[in-house]
PDB file of N, CA and C in Angstrom:
ATOM      1  N   UNK A   1       0.866  -1.012   0.179  1.00  0.00           N
ATOM      2  CA  UNK A   1      -0.038   0.107   0.112  1.00  0.00           C
ATOM      3  C   UNK A   1       0.755   1.257   0.151  1.00  0.00           C
ATOM      4  N   UNK A   2       0.469   2.119  -0.862  1.00  0.00           N
ATOM      5  CA  UNK A   2       1.344   3.276  -0.915  1.00  0.00           C
ATOM      6  C   UNK A   2       0.658   4.381  -0.034  1.00  0.00           C
ATOM      7  N   UNK A   3       1.218   5.640   0.175  1.00  0.00           N
ATOM      8  CA  UNK A   3       0.940   6.511   1.144  1.00  0.00           C
ATOM      9  C   UNK A   3      -0.382   7.041   1.045  1.00  0.00           C
ATOM     10  N   UNK A   4      -0.951   7.351  -0.196  1.00  0.00           N
ATOM     11  CA  UNK A   4      -2.136   7.998  -0.549  1.00  0.00           C
ATOM     12  C   UNK A   4      -3.423   6.822  -0.099  1.00  0.00           C
ATOM     13  N   UNK A   5      -2.905   5.656  -0.249  1.00  0.00           N
ATOM     14  CA  UNK A   5      -3.906   4.518  -0.045  1.00  0.00           C
ATOM     15  C   UNK A   5      -4.291   4.527   1.552  1.00  0.00           C
ATOM     16  N   UNK A   6      -2.990   4.708   2.203  1.00  0.00           N
ATOM     17  CA  UNK A   6      -3.000   4.569   3.674  1.00  0.00           C
ATOM     18  C   UNK A   6      -3.678   5.662   4.175  1.00  0.00           C
ATOM     19  N   UNK A   7      -3.782   7.109   3.562  1.00  0.00           N
ATOM     20  CA  UNK A   7      -4.475   7.955   4.060  1.00  0.00           C
ATOM     21  C   UNK A   7      -5.948   7.945   3.877  1.00  0.00           C
ATOM     22  N   UNK A   8      -6.270   7.410   2.773  1.00  0.00           N
ATOM     23  CA  UNK A   8      -7.565   6.883   2.376  1.00  0.00           C
ATOM     24  C   UNK A   8      -8.242   5.956   3.329  1.00  0.00           C
ATOM     25  N   UNK A   9      -7.468   4.921   3.842  1.00  0.00           N
ATOM     26  CA  UNK A   9      -7.869   4.034   4.588  1.00  0.00           C
ATOM     27  C   UNK A   9      -8.203   4.402   6.041  1.00  0.00           C
ATOM     28  N   UNK A  10      -7.423   5.406   6.415  1.00  0.00           N
ATOM     29  CA  UNK A  10      -7.559   5.844   7.784  1.00  0.00           C
ATOM     30  C   UNK A  10      -8.715   6.803   7.780  1.00  0.00           C
ATOM     31  N   UNK A  11      -8.874   7.741   6.612  1.00  0.00           N
ATOM     32  CA  UNK A  11      -9.886   8.612   6.518  1.00  0.00           C
ATOM     33  C   UNK A  11     -11.481   7.954   6.606  1.00  0.00           C
ATOM     34  N   UNK A  12     -11.328   6.816   5.768  1.00  0.00           N
ATOM     35  CA  UNK A  12     -12.469   5.940   5.843  1.00  0.00           C
ATOM     36  C   UNK A  12     -12.805   5.189   7.399  1.00  0.00           C
ATOM     37  N   UNK A  13     -11.711   4.861   7.994  1.00  0.00           N
ATOM     38  CA  UNK A  13     -11.844   4.371   9.246  1.00  0.00           C
ATOM     39  C   UNK A  13     -12.383   5.290  10.215  1.00  0.00           C
ATOM     40  N   UNK A  14     -12.118   6.551  10.171  1.00  0.00           N
ATOM     41  CA  UNK A  14     -12.611   7.744  10.880  1.00  0.00           C
ATOM     42  C   UNK A  14     -14.096   7.784  10.598  1.00  0.00           C
ATOM     43  N   UNK A  15     -14.355   7.908   9.380  1.00  0.00           N
ATOM     44  CA  UNK A  15     -15.610   8.290   8.675  1.00  0.00           C
ATOM     45  C   UNK A  15     -16.647   7.102   9.383  1.00  0.00           C
ATOM     46  N   UNK A  16     -16.353   5.728   9.250  1.00  0.00           N
ATOM     47  CA  UNK A  16     -17.009   4.808   9.727  1.00  0.00           C
ATOM     48  C   UNK A  16     -17.359   5.033  11.108  1.00  0.00           C
ATOM     49  N   UNK A  17     -16.451   5.638  12.061  1.00  0.00           N
ATOM     50  CA  UNK A  17     -16.641   5.762  13.489  1.00  0.00           C
ATOM     51  C   UNK A  17     -17.898   6.817  13.545  1.00  0.00           C
ATOM     52  N   UNK A  18     -17.562   7.692  12.721  1.00  0.00           N
ATOM     53  CA  UNK A  18     -18.608   8.869  12.921  1.00  0.00           C
ATOM     54  C   UNK A  18     -19.794   8.595  12.444  1.00  0.00           C
ATOM     55  N   UNK A  19     -20.013   7.523  11.627  1.00  0.00           N
ATOM     56  CA  UNK A  19     -21.183   7.295  11.011  1.00  0.00           C
ATOM     57  C   UNK A  19     -21.942   6.291  11.931  1.00  0.00           C
ATOM     58  N   UNK A  20     -20.998   5.486  12.497  1.00  0.00           N
ATOM     59  CA  UNK A  20     -21.693   4.528  13.778  1.00  0.00           C
ATOM     60  C   UNK A  20     -22.295   5.550  14.807  1.00  0.00           C
ATOM     61  N   UNK A  21     -21.659   6.517  15.290  1.00  0.00           N
ATOM     62  CA  UNK A  21     -21.979   7.642  16.155  1.00  0.00           C
ATOM     63  C   UNK A  21     -23.340   8.277  15.708  1.00  0.00           C
ATOM     64  N   UNK A  22     -23.431   8.656  14.660  1.00  0.00           N
ATOM     65  CA  UNK A  22     -24.516   9.266  13.936  1.00  0.00           C
ATOM     66  C   UNK A  22     -25.589   8.329  13.922  1.00  0.00           C
ATOM     67  N   UNK A  23     -25.444   7.072  13.554  1.00  0.00           N
ATOM     68  CA  UNK A  23     -26.804   6.174  13.359  1.00  0.00           C
ATOM     69  C   UNK A  23     -26.994   5.920  14.942  1.00  0.00           C
ATOM     70  N   UNK A  24     -26.391   5.797  15.799  1.00  0.00           N
ATOM     71  CA  UNK A  24     -27.066   5.603  17.312  1.00  0.00           C
ATOM     72  C   UNK A  24     -27.645   6.712  17.713  1.00  0.00           C
ATOM     73  N   UNK A  25     -27.271   8.018  17.112  1.00  0.00           N
ATOM     74  CA  UNK A  25     -27.880   9.200  17.672  1.00  0.00           C
ATOM     75  C   UNK A  25     -29.387   9.338  16.884  1.00  0.00           C
ATOM     76  N   UNK A  26     -29.291   8.894  15.542  1.00  0.00           N
ATOM     77  CA  UNK A  26     -30.708   8.799  14.846  1.00  0.00           C
ATOM     78  C   UNK A  26     -31.574   7.802  15.715  1.00  0.00           C
ATOM     79  N   UNK A  27     -30.960   6.652  15.841  1.00  0.00           N
ATOM     80  CA  UNK A  27     -31.949   5.674  16.614  1.00  0.00           C
ATOM     81  C   UNK A  27     -32.403   6.379  17.946  1.00  0.00           C
ATOM     82  N   UNK A  28     -31.751   7.086  18.739  1.00  0.00           N
ATOM     83  CA  UNK A  28     -32.045   7.492  19.998  1.00  0.00           C
ATOM     84  C   UNK A  28     -32.940   8.621  19.620  1.00  0.00           C
ATOM     85  N   UNK A  29     -32.814   9.585  18.606  1.00  0.00           N
ATOM     86  CA  UNK A  29     -33.852  10.608  18.459  1.00  0.00           C
ATOM     87  C   UNK A  29     -35.004  10.225  17.899  1.00  0.00           C
ATOM     88  N   UNK A  30     -35.113   8.977  17.162  1.00  0.00           N
ATOM     89  CA  UNK A  30     -36.327   8.145  16.873  1.00  0.00           C
ATOM     90  C   UNK A  30     -37.282   7.700  18.148  1.00  0.00           C
ATOM     91  N   UNK A  31     -36.465   7.009  18.939  1.00  0.00           N
ATOM     92  CA  UNK A  31     -37.122   6.630  20.260  1.00  0.00           C
ATOM     93  C   UNK A  31     -37.631   7.769  21.046  1.00  0.00           C
ATOM     94  N   UNK A  32     -36.723   8.990  21.175  1.00  0.00           N
ATOM     95  CA  UNK A  32     -37.208  10.016  21.789  1.00  0.00           C
ATOM     96  C   UNK A  32     -38.509  10.840  21.222  1.00  0.00           C
ATOM     97  N   UNK A  33     -38.425  10.737  19.933  1.00  0.00           N
ATOM     98  CA  UNK A  33     -39.684  11.316  19.162  1.00  0.00           C
ATOM     99  C   UNK A  33     -40.916  10.626  19.460  1.00  0.00           C
ATOM    100  N   UNK A  34     -40.986   9.065  19.536  1.00  0.00           N
ATOM    101  CA  UNK A  34     -41.893   8.486  19.773  1.00  0.00           C
ATOM    102  C   UNK A  34     -42.428   8.769  21.313  1.00  0.00           C
ATOM    103  N   UNK A  35     -41.481   9.193  22.115  1.00  0.00           N
ATOM    104  CA  UNK A  35     -41.870   9.363  23.526  1.00  0.00           C
ATOM    105  C   UNK A  35     -42.662  10.715  23.732  1.00  0.00           C
ATOM    106  N   UNK A  36     -41.957  11.553  22.849  1.00  0.00           N
ATOM    107  CA  UNK A  36     -42.908  13.046  22.714  1.00  0.00           C
ATOM    108  C   UNK A  36     -43.984  12.860  22.239  1.00  0.00           C
ATOM    109  N   UNK A  37     -44.194  12.301  21.102  1.00  0.00           N
ATOM    110  CA  UNK A  37     -45.623  12.036  20.477  1.00  0.00           C
ATOM    111  C   UNK A  37     -46.485  11.315  21.460  1.00  0.00           C
ATOM    112  N   UNK A  38     -45.824  10.251  22.090  1.00  0.00           N
ATOM    113  CA  UNK A  38     -46.862   9.775  23.120  1.00  0.00           C
ATOM    114  C   UNK A  38     -47.374  10.583  24.286  1.00  0.00           C
ATOM    115  N   UNK A  39     -46.557  11.364  24.811  1.00  0.00           N
ATOM    116  CA  UNK A  39     -46.865  12.241  25.892  1.00  0.00           C
ATOM    117  C   UNK A  39     -47.750  13.390  25.368  1.00  0.00           C
ATOM    118  N   UNK A  40     -47.566  13.727  24.270  1.00  0.00           N
ATOM    119  CA  UNK A  40     -48.572  14.789  23.879  1.00  0.00           C
ATOM    120  C   UNK A  40     -49.863  14.290  23.420  1.00  0.00           C
ATOM    121  N   UNK A  41     -49.863  13.054  23.021  1.00  0.00           N
ATOM    122  CA  UNK A  41     -51.229  12.267  22.696  1.00  0.00           C
ATOM    123  C   UNK A  41     -51.913  12.167  23.941  1.00  0.00           C
ATOM    124  N   UNK A  42     -51.119  11.587  25.064  1.00  0.00           N
ATOM    125  CA  UNK A  42     -51.967  11.233  26.280  1.00  0.00           C
ATOM    126  C   UNK A  42     -52.148  12.632  27.121  1.00  0.00           C
ATOM    127  N   UNK A  43     -51.557  13.446  26.767  1.00  0.00           N
ATOM    128  CA  UNK A  43     -51.969  14.701  27.360  1.00  0.00           C
ATOM    129  C   UNK A  43     -53.320  15.272  26.920  1.00  0.00           C
ATOM    130  N   UNK A  44     -53.802  15.029  25.607  1.00  0.00           N
ATOM    131  CA  UNK A  44     -55.104  15.329  25.216  1.00  0.00           C
ATOM    132  C   UNK A  44     -56.339  14.520  26.095  1.00  0.00           C
ATOM    133  N   UNK A  45     -55.927  13.304  26.467  1.00  0.00           N
ATOM    134  CA  UNK A  45     -56.908  12.597  27.352  1.00  0.00           C
ATOM    135  C   UNK A  45     -57.084  13.008  28.718  1.00  0.00           C
ATOM    136  N   UNK A  46     -58.236  13.554  29.076  1.00  0.00           N
ATOM    137  CA  UNK A  46     -58.334  14.225  30.401  1.00  0.00           C
ATOM    138  C   UNK A  46     -58.511  13.113  31.396  1.00  0.00           C
ATOM    139  N   UNK A  47     -59.013  12.057  31.184  1.00  0.00           N
ATOM    140  CA  UNK A  47     -59.149  10.956  32.450  1.00  0.00           C
ATOM    141  C   UNK A  47     -57.735  10.200  32.550  1.00  0.00           C
ATOM    142  N   UNK A  48     -56.773  10.347  31.979  1.00  0.00           N
ATOM    143  CA  UNK A  48     -55.405   9.591  32.231  1.00  0.00           C
ATOM    144  C   UNK A  48     -54.838  10.505  33.126  1.00  0.00           C
ATOM    145  N   UNK A  49     -54.607   9.748  34.303  1.00  0.00           N
ATOM    146  CA  UNK A  49     -53.650  10.413  35.604  1.00  0.00           C
ATOM    147  C   UNK A  49     -52.186  10.459  34.992  1.00  0.00           C
ATOM    148  N   UNK A  50     -51.819  11.697  35.175  1.00  0.00           N
ATOM    149  CA  UNK A  50     -50.299  11.867  34.575  1.00  0.00           C
ATOM    150  C   UNK A  50     -49.417  11.347  35.702  1.00  0.00           C
ATOM    151  N   UNK A  51     -49.661  11.180  37.044  1.00  0.00           N
ATOM    152  CA  UNK A  51     -48.950  10.535  37.999  1.00  0.00           C
ATOM    153  C   UNK A  51     -48.674   8.970  38.084  1.00  0.00           C
ATOM    154  N   UNK A  52     -49.348   8.187  37.306  1.00  0.00           N
ATOM    155  CA  UNK A  52     -49.018   6.672  37.220  1.00  0.00           C
ATOM    156  C   UNK A  52     -48.555   6.291  36.051  1.00  0.00           C
ATOM    157  N   UNK A  53     -48.178   5.101  36.178  1.00  0.00           N
ATOM    158  CA  UNK A  53     -47.240   4.464  34.966  1.00  0.00           C
ATOM    159  C   UNK A  53     -48.499   4.311  33.751  1.00  0.00           C
ATOM    160  N   UNK A  54     -48.095   4.642  32.611  1.00  0.00           N
ATOM    161  CA  UNK A  54     -47.141   4.760  31.784  1.00  0.00           C
ATOM    162  C   UNK A  54     -46.820   6.414  31.701  1.00  0.00           C
ATOM    163  N   UNK A  55     -47.942   7.182  32.004  1.00  0.00           N
ATOM    164  CA  UNK A  55     -47.823   8.486  31.739  1.00  0.00           C
ATOM    165  C   UNK A  55     -46.600   9.216  32.474  1.00  0.00           C
ATOM    166  N   UNK A  56     -46.307   8.774  33.970  1.00  0.00           N
ATOM    167  CA  UNK A  56     -45.280   9.429  34.723  1.00  0.00           C
ATOM    168  C   UNK A  56     -43.926   9.110  33.954  1.00  0.00           C
ATOM    169  N   UNK A  57     -43.691   8.104  33.531  1.00  0.00           N
ATOM    170  CA  UNK A  57     -42.231   7.845  32.827  1.00  0.00           C
ATOM    171  C   UNK A  57     -42.123   8.805  31.621  1.00  0.00           C
ATOM    172  N   UNK A  58     -43.249   8.839  30.806  1.00  0.00           N
ATOM    173  CA  UNK A  58     -43.182   9.746  29.682  1.00  0.00           C
ATOM    174  C   UNK A  58     -43.036  11.144  30.107  1.00  0.00           C
ATOM    175  N   UNK A  59     -43.567  11.621  31.151  1.00  0.00           N
ATOM    176  CA  UNK A  59     -43.619  13.005  31.469  1.00  0.00           C
ATOM    177  C   UNK A  59     -42.176  13.341  32.050  1.00  0.00           C
ATOM    178  N   UNK A  60     -41.565  12.254  32.690  1.00  0.00           N
ATOM    179  CA  UNK A  60     -40.245  12.547  33.472  1.00  0.00           C
ATOM    180  C   UNK A  60     -39.174  12.386  32.391  1.00  0.00           C
ATOM    181  N   UNK A  61     -39.489  11.843  31.114  1.00  0.00           N
ATOM    182  CA  UNK A  61     -38.248  11.696  30.240  1.00  0.00           C
ATOM    183  C   UNK A  61     -38.423  12.893  29.308  1.00  0.00           C
ATOM    184  N   UNK A  62     -39.636  13.342  28.967  1.00  0.00           N
ATOM    185  CA  UNK A  62     -39.622  14.231  27.979  1.00  0.00           C
ATOM    186  C   UNK A  62     -39.829  15.919  28.566  1.00  0.00           C
ATOM    187  N   UNK A  63     -40.066  15.805  29.938  1.00  0.00           N
ATOM    188  CA  UNK A  63     -40.331  17.324  30.535  1.00  0.00           C
ATOM    189  C   UNK A  63     -39.172  18.124  30.407  1.00  0.00           C
ATOM    190  N   UNK A  64     -37.995  17.733  30.452  1.00  0.00           N
ATOM    191  CA  UNK A  64     -36.924  18.775  30.354  1.00  0.00           C
ATOM    192  C   UNK A  64     -36.817  19.354  28.921  1.00  0.00           C
ATOM    193  N   UNK A  65     -37.078  18.541  27.728  1.00  0.00           N
ATOM    194  CA  UNK A  65     -36.861  19.214  26.428  1.00  0.00           C
ATOM    195  C   UNK A  65     -38.227  20.056  26.332  1.00  0.00           C
ATOM    196  N   UNK A  66     -39.371  19.598  26.633  1.00  0.00           N
ATOM    197  CA  UNK A  66     -40.588  20.650  26.357  1.00  0.00           C
ATOM    198  C   UNK A  66     -40.530  21.846  27.321  1.00  0.00           C
ATOM    199  N   UNK A  67     -39.885  21.646  28.587  1.00  0.00           N
ATOM    200  CA  UNK A  67     -39.728  22.802  29.432  1.00  0.00           C
ATOM    201  C   UNK A  67     -38.827  23.804  28.886  1.00  0.00           C
ATOM    202  N   UNK A  68     -37.639  23.362  28.177  1.00  0.00           N
ATOM    203  CA  UNK A  68     -36.642  24.187  27.691  1.00  0.00           C
ATOM    204  C   UNK A  68     -37.305  25.009  26.519  1.00  0.00           C
ATOM    205  N   UNK A  69     -38.227  24.398  25.560  1.00  0.00           N
ATOM    206  CA  UNK A  69     -38.991  25.148  24.647  1.00  0.00           C
ATOM    207  C   UNK A  69     -39.965  26.010  25.021  1.00  0.00           C
ATOM    208  N   UNK A  70     -40.562  25.694  26.146  1.00  0.00           N
ATOM    209  CA  UNK A  70     -41.526  26.587  26.706  1.00  0.00           C
ATOM    210  C   UNK A  70     -41.025  27.645  27.365  1.00  0.00           C
ATOM    211  N   UNK A  71     -39.862  27.719  28.120  1.00  0.00           N
ATOM    212  CA  UNK A  71     -39.189  28.866  28.380  1.00  0.00           C
ATOM    213  C   UNK A  71     -38.761  29.913  27.367  1.00  0.00           C
ATOM    214  N   UNK A  72     -38.332  29.156  26.054  1.00  0.00           N
ATOM    215  CA  UNK A  72     -37.888  29.979  25.036  1.00  0.00           C
ATOM    216  C   UNK A  72     -38.916  30.567  24.296  1.00  0.00           C
ATOM    217  N   UNK A  73     -40.068  30.062  24.213  1.00  0.00           N
ATOM    218  CA  UNK A  73     -41.286  30.520  23.353  1.00  0.00           C
ATOM    219  C   UNK A  73     -42.480  30.454  24.507  1.00  0.00           C
ATOM    220  N   UNK A  74     -42.802  31.660  25.172  1.00  0.00           N
ATOM    221  CA  UNK A  74     -43.938  31.576  25.858  1.00  0.00           C
ATOM    222  C   UNK A  74     -45.287  31.528  25.031  1.00  0.00           C
ATOM    223  N   UNK A  75     -46.240  31.510  25.850  1.00  0.00           N
ATOM    224  CA  UNK A  75     -47.669  31.453  25.131  1.00  0.00           C
ATOM    225  C   UNK A  75     -47.936  32.929  24.457  1.00  0.00           C
ATOM    226  N   UNK A  76     -48.736  32.645  23.440  1.00  0.00           N
ATOM    227  CA  UNK A  76     -49.251  33.733  22.596  1.00  0.00           C
ATOM    228  C   UNK A  76     -50.569  34.016  23.200  1.00  0.00           C
ATOM    229  N   UNK A  77     -50.703  35.354  23.876  1.00  0.00           N
ATOM    230  CA  UNK A  77     -52.071  35.660  24.229  1.00  0.00           C
ATOM    231  C   UNK A  77     -52.895  36.503  23.400  1.00  0.00           C
ATOM    232  N   UNK A  78     -54.099  35.943  23.484  1.00  0.00           N
ATOM    233  CA  UNK A  78     -55.133  36.917  22.798  1.00  0.00           C
ATOM    234  C   UNK A  78     -56.075  37.365  23.913  1.00  0.00           C
ATOM    235  N   UNK A  79     -57.101  37.693  23.458  1.00  0.00           N
ATOM    236  CA  UNK A  79     -58.124  38.579  24.360  1.00  0.00           C
ATOM    237  C   UNK A  79     -58.545  37.718  25.373  1.00  0.00           C
ATOM    238  N   UNK A  80     -59.237  36.545  25.279  1.00  0.00           N
ATOM    239  CA  UNK A  80     -59.532  35.617  26.452  1.00  0.00           C
ATOM    240  C   UNK A  80     -58.805  34.428  26.493  1.00  0.00           C
ATOM    241  N   UNK A  81     -57.932  34.021  25.802  1.00  0.00           N
ATOM    242  CA  UNK A  81     -57.265  32.777  25.622  1.00  0.00           C
ATOM    243  C   UNK A  81     -55.973  32.843  25.444  1.00  0.00           C
ATOM    244  N   UNK A  82     -55.178  31.807  25.456  1.00  0.00           N
ATOM    245  CA  UNK A  82     -53.723  31.909  24.980  1.00  0.00           C
ATOM    246  C   UNK A  82     -53.442  30.571  24.433  1.00  0.00           C
ATOM    247  N   UNK A  83     -52.339  30.537  23.495  1.00  0.00           N
ATOM    248  CA  UNK A  83     -52.000  29.311  22.787  1.00  0.00           C
ATOM    249  C   UNK A  83     -50.574  29.043  23.146  1.00  0.00           C
ATOM    250  N   UNK A  84     -50.284  27.866  23.405  1.00  0.00           N
ATOM    251  CA  UNK A  84     -48.602  27.301  23.477  1.00  0.00           C
ATOM    252  C   UNK A  84     -48.350  26.770  22.336  1.00  0.00           C
ATOM    253  N   UNK A  85     -47.455  27.204  21.512  1.00  0.00           N
ATOM    254  CA  UNK A  85     -46.967  26.789  20.512  1.00  0.00           C
ATOM    255  C   UNK A  85     -45.607  26.102  20.707  1.00  0.00           C
ATOM    256  N   UNK A  86     -45.056  26.053  21.817  1.00  0.00           N
ATOM    257  CA  UNK A  86     -43.840  25.525  22.182  1.00  0.00           C
ATOM    258  C   UNK A  86     -43.608  24.070  21.909  1.00  0.00           C
ATOM    259  N   UNK A  87     -44.739  23.374  22.057  1.00  0.00           N
ATOM    260  CA  UNK A  87     -44.560  21.849  21.927  1.00  0.00           C
ATOM    261  C   UNK A  87     -44.553  21.469  20.440  1.00  0.00           C
ATOM    262  N   UNK A  88     -45.140  22.215  19.747  1.00  0.00           N
ATOM    263  CA  UNK A  88     -45.221  22.148  18.156  1.00  0.00           C
ATOM    264  C   UNK A  88     -43.811  22.437  17.611  1.00  0.00           C
ATOM    265  N   UNK A  89     -43.305  23.534  18.144  1.00  0.00           N
ATOM    266  CA  UNK A  89     -41.748  23.994  17.579  1.00  0.00           C
ATOM    267  C   UNK A  89     -40.958  22.950  18.360  1.00  0.00           C
ATOM    268  N   UNK A  90     -41.059  22.439  19.309  1.00  0.00           N
ATOM    269  CA  UNK A  90     -40.052  21.430  19.956  1.00  0.00           C
ATOM    270  C   UNK A  90     -40.262  20.071  19.041  1.00  0.00           C
ATOM    271  N   UNK A  91     -41.513  19.755  18.550  1.00  0.00           N
ATOM    272  CA  UNK A  91     -41.367  18.506  17.827  1.00  0.00           C
ATOM    273  C   UNK A  91     -40.890  18.803  16.248  1.00  0.00           C
ATOM    274  N   UNK A  92     -41.107  19.824  15.974  1.00  0.00           N
ATOM    275  CA  UNK A  92     -40.661  20.306  14.545  1.00  0.00           C
ATOM    276  C   UNK A  92     -39.094  20.544  14.549  1.00  0.00           C
ATOM    277  N   UNK A  93     -38.560  20.885  15.629  1.00  0.00           N
ATOM    278  CA  UNK A  93     -37.009  21.003  15.776  1.00  0.00           C
ATOM    279  C   UNK A  93     -36.268  19.658  15.932  1.00  0.00           C
ATOM    280  N   UNK A  94     -37.214  18.706  16.640  1.00  0.00           N
ATOM    281  CA  UNK A  94     -36.592  17.393  16.568  1.00  0.00           C
ATOM    282  C   UNK A  94     -36.798  16.675  15.438  1.00  0.00           C
ATOM    283  N   UNK A  95     -37.900  16.874  14.485  1.00  0.00           N
ATOM    284  CA  UNK A  95     -38.057  16.255  13.218  1.00  0.00           C
ATOM    285  C   UNK A  95     -36.851  16.827  12.346  1.00  0.00           C
ATOM    286  N   UNK A  96     -36.558  17.982  12.371  1.00  0.00           N
ATOM    287  CA  UNK A  96     -35.510  18.611  11.482  1.00  0.00           C
ATOM    288  C   UNK A  96     -34.112  18.068  11.922  1.00  0.00           C
ATOM    289  N   UNK A  97     -33.882  18.005  13.152  1.00  0.00           N
ATOM    290  CA  UNK A  97     -32.547  17.365  13.396  1.00  0.00           C
ATOM    291  C   UNK A  97     -32.424  16.057  13.021  1.00  0.00           C
ATOM    292  N   UNK A  98     -33.485  15.339  13.305  1.00  0.00           N
ATOM    293  CA  UNK A  98     -33.437  13.844  12.907  1.00  0.00           C
ATOM    294  C   UNK A  98     -33.267  13.619  11.196  1.00  0.00           C
ATOM    295  N   UNK A  99     -33.986  14.636  10.348  1.00  0.00           N
ATOM    296  CA  UNK A  99     -33.617  14.810   8.907  1.00  0.00           C
ATOM    297  C   UNK A  99     -32.365  15.249   8.600  1.00  0.00           C
ATOM    298  N   UNK A 100     -31.732  16.291   9.411  1.00  0.00           N
ATOM    299  CA  UNK A 100     -30.359  16.541   9.181  1.00  0.00           C
ATOM    300  C   UNK A 100     -29.282  15.459   9.263  1.00  0.00           C
ATOM    301  N   UNK A 101     -29.575  14.553  10.503  1.00  0.00           N
ATOM    302  CA  UNK A 101     -28.805  13.566  10.608  1.00  0.00           C
ATOM    303  C   UNK A 101     -28.946  12.375   9.660  1.00  0.00           C
ATOM    304  N   UNK A 102     -30.162  12.081   9.229  1.00  0.00           N
ATOM    305  CA  UNK A 102     -29.931  11.288   8.095  1.00  0.00           C
ATOM    306  C   UNK A 102     -29.460  11.632   6.822  1.00  0.00           C
ATOM    307  N   UNK A 103     -29.593  13.047   6.471  1.00  0.00           N
ATOM    308  CA  UNK A 103     -28.862  13.240   5.232  1.00  0.00           C
ATOM    309  C   UNK A 103     -27.479  13.562   5.488  1.00  0.00           C
ATOM    310  N   UNK A 104     -26.999  13.798   6.667  1.00  0.00           N
ATOM    311  CA  UNK A 104     -25.351  13.688   6.799  1.00  0.00           C
ATOM    312  C   UNK A 104     -24.906  12.247   6.776  1.00  0.00           C
ATOM    313  N   UNK A 105     -25.713  11.328   7.334  1.00  0.00           N
ATOM    314  CA  UNK A 105     -25.289   9.946   7.181  1.00  0.00           C
ATOM    315  C   UNK A 105     -25.351   9.328   5.712  1.00  0.00           C
ATOM    316  N   UNK A 106     -26.205   9.733   5.040  1.00  0.00           N
ATOM    317  CA  UNK A 106     -26.254   9.369   3.403  1.00  0.00           C
ATOM    318  C   UNK A 106     -25.105  10.079   2.581  1.00  0.00           C
ATOM    319  N   UNK A 107     -24.479  11.394   3.322  1.00  0.00           N
ATOM    320  CA  UNK A 107     -23.496  11.824   2.697  1.00  0.00           C
ATOM    321  C   UNK A 107     -22.036  11.018   2.935  1.00  0.00           C
ATOM    322  N   UNK A 108     -22.042  10.753   4.236  1.00  0.00           N
ATOM    323  CA  UNK A 108     -20.896   9.871   4.707  1.00  0.00           C
ATOM    324  C   UNK A 108     -21.062   8.373   3.817  1.00  0.00           C
ATOM    325  N   UNK A 109     -22.016   7.838   3.604  1.00  0.00           N
ATOM    326  CA  UNK A 109     -22.170   6.550   2.855  1.00  0.00           C
ATOM    327  C   UNK A 109     -21.629   6.743   1.565  1.00  0.00           C
ATOM    328  N   UNK A 110     -22.018   7.876   0.936  1.00  0.00           N
ATOM    329  CA  UNK A 110     -21.646   8.167  -0.399  1.00  0.00           C
ATOM    330  C   UNK A 110     -20.157   8.383  -0.370  1.00  0.00           C
ATOM    331  N   UNK A 111     -19.710   9.180   0.355  1.00  0.00           N
ATOM    332  CA  UNK A 111     -18.205   9.272   0.398  1.00  0.00           C
ATOM    333  C   UNK A 111     -17.425   7.993   0.878  1.00  0.00           C
ATOM    334  N   UNK A 112     -18.003   7.331   1.546  1.00  0.00           N
ATOM    335  CA  UNK A 112     -17.102   5.966   1.759  1.00  0.00           C
ATOM    336  C   UNK A 112     -17.156   5.114   0.468  1.00  0.00           C
ATOM    337  N   UNK A 113     -18.286   5.197  -0.108  1.00  0.00           N
ATOM    338  CA  UNK A 113     -18.485   4.305  -1.495  1.00  0.00           C
ATOM    339  C   UNK A 113     -17.564   4.958  -2.531  1.00  0.00           C
ATOM    340  N   UNK A 114     -17.407   6.166  -2.544  1.00  0.00           N
ATOM    341  CA  UNK A 114     -16.326   6.671  -3.493  1.00  0.00           C
ATOM    342  C   UNK A 114     -14.909   6.397  -3.146  1.00  0.00           C
ATOM    343  N   UNK A 115     -14.742   6.500  -1.590  1.00  0.00           N
ATOM    344  CA  UNK A 115     -13.220   5.865  -1.399  1.00  0.00           C
ATOM    345  C   UNK A 115     -13.152   4.703  -1.709  1.00  0.00           C
ATOM    346  N   UNK A 116     -14.155   3.852  -1.494  1.00  0.00           N
ATOM    347  CA  UNK A 116     -13.813   2.397  -1.832  1.00  0.00           C
ATOM    348  C   UNK A 116     -13.234   1.887  -3.027  1.00  0.00           C
ATOM    349  N   UNK A 117     -13.881   3.003  -4.157  1.00  0.00           N
ATOM    350  CA  UNK A 117     -13.305   2.828  -5.436  1.00  0.00           C
ATOM    351  C   UNK A 117     -11.737   3.146  -5.489  1.00  0.00           C
ATOM    352  N   UNK A 118     -11.355   4.056  -4.731  1.00  0.00           N
ATOM    353  CA  UNK A 118      -9.947   4.416  -4.849  1.00  0.00           C
ATOM    354  C   UNK A 118      -9.120   3.301  -4.031  1.00  0.00           C
ATOM    355  N   UNK A 119      -9.686   2.702  -3.261  1.00  0.00           N
ATOM    356  CA  UNK A 119      -8.872   1.533  -2.532  1.00  0.00           C
ATOM    357  C   UNK A 119      -8.815   0.253  -3.366  1.00  0.00           C
ATOM    358  N   UNK A 120      -9.835  -0.012  -4.141  1.00  0.00           N
ATOM    359  CA  UNK A 120      -9.704  -1.312  -4.746  1.00  0.00           C
ATOM    360  C   UNK A 120      -9.007  -1.257  -6.011  1.00  0.00           C
ATOM    361  N   UNK A 121      -8.080  -2.350  -6.182  1.00  0.00           N
ATOM    362  CA  UNK A 121      -7.061  -2.231  -7.329  1.00  0.00           C
ATOM    363  C   UNK A 121      -7.761  -2.583  -8.708  1.00  0.00           C
ATOM    364  N   UNK A 122      -7.390  -2.061  -9.933  1.00  0.00           N
ATOM    365  CA  UNK A 122      -8.000  -2.287 -11.119  1.00  0.00           C
ATOM    366  C   UNK A 122      -7.864  -3.625 -11.494  1.00  0.00           C
TER     367      UNK A 122
END
């Protein structure tokens, strides 16, 4: 192996490590997204007690994320009512982050495929 193929091999090794971390982050974000959607769905049902299982575990896992966005985006006040859009924005940011991670992982896979062509002998 010459020096350039050694550098390509090391670069591929580093990219595969980043790809593994990114794919585990995508998996974690997907699980967290399901938890967030479940919590917001259960919040619509008035007869579900939020202090017993499974609602309590959903609330304890997702409360810091929703609390951050509710502090950042306060409720919009109208004459006699108010609307909280922080949970909608929080879910959209989560979906956008997931989309971004998937696009980056696809880009890394394309780079790895192109580098594989450089490493294979003719």
